[in-house]
């Protein structure tokens, strides 16, 4: 998988189609035949998440990448619903108010 990701980064995989890159994902990286692929993805990337969520190193070594913000938001919402306690939202600004 690492070689495939490096090939993508170097532009060796896929071709252009209407100014968009088309990349074929190998079958062994696909989540097929699943009733809940997002949960399966979370379980794969973050095994034993409830036992490790307080360990910052656990998250530094893992990531789920998604092509669109709405997919990212859906995955984040699913992850946040798994953790005990209330959600906290912290706002920031790039300029002085």
Protein backbone atom coordinates (compact mmCIF):
# COMPACT_ATOMS: atom_id res chain seq x y z
CA UNK A 1 0.00 0.00 0.00
CA UNK A 2 2.83 2.43 0.78
CA UNK A 3 4.22 2.10 -2.72
CA UNK A 4 0.77 2.72 -4.22
CA UNK A 5 0.34 5.87 -2.10
CA UNK A 6 3.78 7.13 -3.12
CA UNK A 7 2.93 6.48 -6.77
CA UNK A 8 -0.22 8.58 -6.35
CA UNK A 9 1.78 11.39 -4.76
CA UNK A 10 4.28 11.32 -7.62
CA UNK A 11 1.53 11.31 -10.26
CA UNK A 12 2.36 7.83 -11.53
CA UNK A 13 -1.17 6.47 -10.98
CA UNK A 14 -4.31 7.47 -12.82
CA UNK A 15 -4.90 9.68 -15.78
CA UNK A 16 -6.64 12.96 -16.46
CA UNK A 17 -10.30 13.04 -17.35
CA UNK A 18 -11.84 16.52 -17.70
CA UNK A 19 -9.11 17.98 -15.47
CA UNK A 20 -9.80 15.45 -12.72
CA UNK A 21 -7.50 12.58 -11.85
CA UNK A 22 -8.92 9.08 -12.01
CA UNK A 23 -7.29 6.61 -9.65
CA UNK A 24 -8.24 2.96 -9.44
CA UNK A 25 -8.14 1.72 -5.86
CA UNK A 26 -6.83 -1.85 -5.47
CA UNK A 27 -9.47 -4.35 -4.38
CA UNK A 28 -7.58 -5.23 -1.19
CA UNK A 29 -8.03 -1.62 -0.01
CA UNK A 30 -11.77 -1.49 -0.63
CA UNK A 31 -14.43 -2.17 1.97
CA UNK A 32 -16.76 -4.48 0.10
CA UNK A 33 -19.76 -6.48 1.23
CA UNK A 34 -20.35 -4.45 4.37
CA UNK A 35 -23.61 -3.34 5.89
CA UNK A 36 -21.84 -0.44 7.62
CA UNK A 37 -18.60 0.46 5.79
CA UNK A 38 -17.93 3.57 7.91
CA UNK A 39 -17.95 1.53 11.12
CA UNK A 40 -15.74 -1.08 9.48
CA UNK A 41 -13.32 1.66 8.40
CA UNK A 42 -13.23 3.16 11.90
CA UNK A 43 -12.66 -0.28 13.44
CA UNK A 44 -9.81 -0.94 11.00
CA UNK A 45 -8.04 2.41 11.41
CA UNK A 46 -8.76 2.83 15.13
CA UNK A 47 -8.82 -0.64 16.70
CA UNK A 48 -9.85 -0.59 20.36
CA UNK A 49 -10.60 3.13 20.12
CA UNK A 50 -12.55 3.24 23.38
CA UNK A 51 -9.58 1.81 25.26
CA UNK A 52 -7.10 4.17 23.56
CA UNK A 53 -8.87 7.47 22.95
CA UNK A 54 -7.08 9.20 25.85
CA UNK A 55 -3.68 8.25 24.42
CA UNK A 56 -2.51 11.04 22.04
CA UNK A 57 0.00 8.73 20.35
CA UNK A 58 -2.85 6.50 19.26
CA UNK A 59 -4.24 9.24 17.01
CA UNK A 60 -0.88 10.56 15.84
CA UNK A 61 -0.21 7.26 14.11
CA UNK A 62 -3.57 7.00 12.30
CA UNK A 63 -5.76 8.95 9.90
CA UNK A 64 -8.79 8.54 7.71
CA UNK A 65 -8.62 10.55 4.50
CA UNK A 66 -11.75 11.48 2.59
CA UNK A 67 -12.26 13.32 -0.69
CA UNK A 68 -15.02 15.70 0.41
CA UNK A 69 -15.83 17.70 3.53
CA UNK A 70 -19.29 16.17 3.92
CA UNK A 71 -17.71 12.70 4.11
CA UNK A 72 -15.19 13.97 6.69
CA UNK A 73 -18.02 15.47 8.75
CA UNK A 74 -19.94 12.20 8.66
CA UNK A 75 -16.92 10.21 9.84
CA UNK A 76 -16.14 12.78 12.54
CA UNK A 77 -19.75 12.73 13.75
CA UNK A 78 -19.66 8.93 13.95
CA UNK A 79 -16.38 9.00 15.87
CA UNK A 80 -17.55 11.70 18.28
CA UNK A 81 -20.72 9.75 19.05
CA UNK A 82 -18.57 6.86 20.26
CA UNK A 83 -16.77 8.82 22.98
CA UNK A 84 -18.21 9.23 26.47
CA UNK A 85 -19.12 12.70 27.72
CA UNK A 86 -20.40 15.84 26.05
CA UNK A 87 -19.07 17.32 22.83
CA UNK A 88 -17.06 20.53 23.09
CA UNK A 89 -16.61 22.93 20.20
CA UNK A 90 -13.71 25.38 20.23
CA UNK A 91 -13.82 28.29 17.80
CA UNK A 92 -10.82 30.07 16.36
CA UNK A 93 -10.17 33.03 14.12
CA UNK A 94 -7.49 33.83 11.58
CA UNK A 95 -7.80 37.57 12.12
CA UNK A 96 -8.08 40.00 15.00
CA UNK A 97 -11.68 40.88 15.79
